[in-house]
Amino acid sequence: MKKFEFLITDENGNTRIETFATAKNTTEAAYDFAIKMFPDCDIRLRRDIVYRWWYLAAGFAAGSLISSVMLYVLSRNMY
């Protein structure tokens, strides 16, 4: 685990440091920080969506590959 520190300045100009030592990466630390600072915010659902972005990328790549193969097969059968 890494140690992440966030420098926080409130509207009065007061500055403090919040430390997270349980996060695996910067994104996880940022979401944990946001959940701690804004407990009423529905950010946990967004956290799951962000961590699963590669499903969308893999689906798009697979769909592009399948459509390219279909277009190639159809174009060969046209002549």
Protein backbone atom coordinates (compact mmCIF):
# COMPACT_ATOMS: atom_id res chain seq x y z
CA MET A 1 0.00 0.00 0.00
CA LYS A 2 1.11 3.52 -0.75
CA LYS A 3 0.68 6.62 1.34
CA PHE A 4 -1.36 9.39 -0.29
CA GLU A 5 -1.65 12.89 1.08
CA PHE A 6 -4.23 15.51 0.09
CA LEU A 7 -3.67 19.17 0.90
CA ILE A 8 -7.02 20.70 1.84
CA THR A 9 -7.76 24.41 2.07
CA ASP A 10 -11.19 25.50 3.31
CA GLU A 11 -13.04 28.70 2.48
CA ASN A 12 -11.38 30.51 5.43
CA GLY A 13 -7.88 29.79 4.16
CA ASN A 14 -7.10 27.11 6.76
CA THR A 15 -4.91 24.32 5.37
CA ARG A 16 -4.57 20.74 6.57
CA ILE A 17 -3.24 17.45 5.23
CA GLU A 18 -5.40 14.31 4.99
CA THR A 19 -3.49 11.04 4.65
CA PHE A 20 -4.71 7.73 3.21
CA ALA A 21 -2.47 4.70 3.65
CA THR A 22 -4.97 2.05 2.60
CA ALA A 23 -5.36 2.90 -1.07
CA LYS A 24 -3.75 0.88 -3.86
CA ASN A 25 -3.51 3.74 -6.35
CA THR A 26 -4.19 7.44 -6.75
CA THR A 27 -7.71 6.96 -8.13
CA GLU A 28 -8.77 4.81 -5.21
CA ALA A 29 -7.27 7.31 -2.76
CA ALA A 30 -9.13 10.17 -4.44
CA TYR A 31 -12.45 8.33 -4.26
CA ASP A 32 -11.88 7.36 -0.62
CA PHE A 33 -11.08 11.00 0.10
CA ALA A 34 -14.24 12.19 -1.68
CA ILE A 35 -16.37 9.66 0.21
CA LYS A 36 -14.88 10.84 3.50
CA MET A 37 -15.34 14.54 2.72
CA PHE A 38 -18.82 14.20 1.17
CA PRO A 39 -20.52 11.23 2.88
CA ASP A 40 -23.98 12.09 1.48
CA CYS A 41 -22.76 12.01 -2.11
CA ASP A 42 -23.57 8.89 -4.13
CA ILE A 43 -19.97 8.45 -5.27
CA ARG A 44 -19.62 4.71 -4.58
CA LEU A 45 -21.66 3.88 -7.67
CA ARG A 46 -19.45 6.16 -9.76
CA ARG A 47 -16.37 4.48 -8.27
CA ASP A 48 -17.56 1.08 -9.53
CA ILE A 49 -18.24 2.51 -12.99
CA VAL A 50 -14.79 4.13 -13.20
CA TYR A 51 -13.05 0.94 -12.14
CA ARG A 52 -14.90 -1.00 -14.87
CA TRP A 53 -14.05 1.31 -17.80
CA TRP A 54 -12.04 -1.47 -19.42
CA TYR A 55 -15.26 -3.47 -19.99
CA LEU A 56 -16.49 -0.68 -22.21
CA ALA A 57 -13.16 -0.49 -24.05
CA ALA A 58 -13.03 -4.27 -24.56
CA GLY A 59 -16.64 -4.33 -25.78
CA PHE A 60 -15.98 -1.56 -28.26
CA ALA A 61 -12.85 -3.31 -29.56
CA ALA A 62 -14.67 -6.63 -29.91
CA GLY A 63 -17.60 -4.99 -31.67
CA SER A 64 -15.28 -3.19 -34.09
CA LEU A 65 -13.45 -6.41 -34.86
CA ILE A 66 -16.66 -8.36 -35.44
CA SER A 67 -18.13 -5.68 -37.71
CA SER A 68 -14.88 -5.48 -39.69
CA VAL A 69 -14.88 -9.24 -40.25
CA MET A 70 -18.54 -9.18 -41.27
CA LEU A 71 -17.94 -6.36 -43.75
CA TYR A 72 -14.96 -8.24 -45.21
CA VAL A 73 -16.97 -11.46 -45.62
CA LEU A 74 -19.91 -9.61 -47.14
CA SER A 75 -17.69 -7.69 -49.56
CA ARG A 76 -16.07 -10.94 -50.77
CA ASN A 77 -19.49 -12.45 -51.45
CA MET A 78 -20.65 -9.45 -53.48
CA TYR A 79 -18.48 -10.26 -56.50
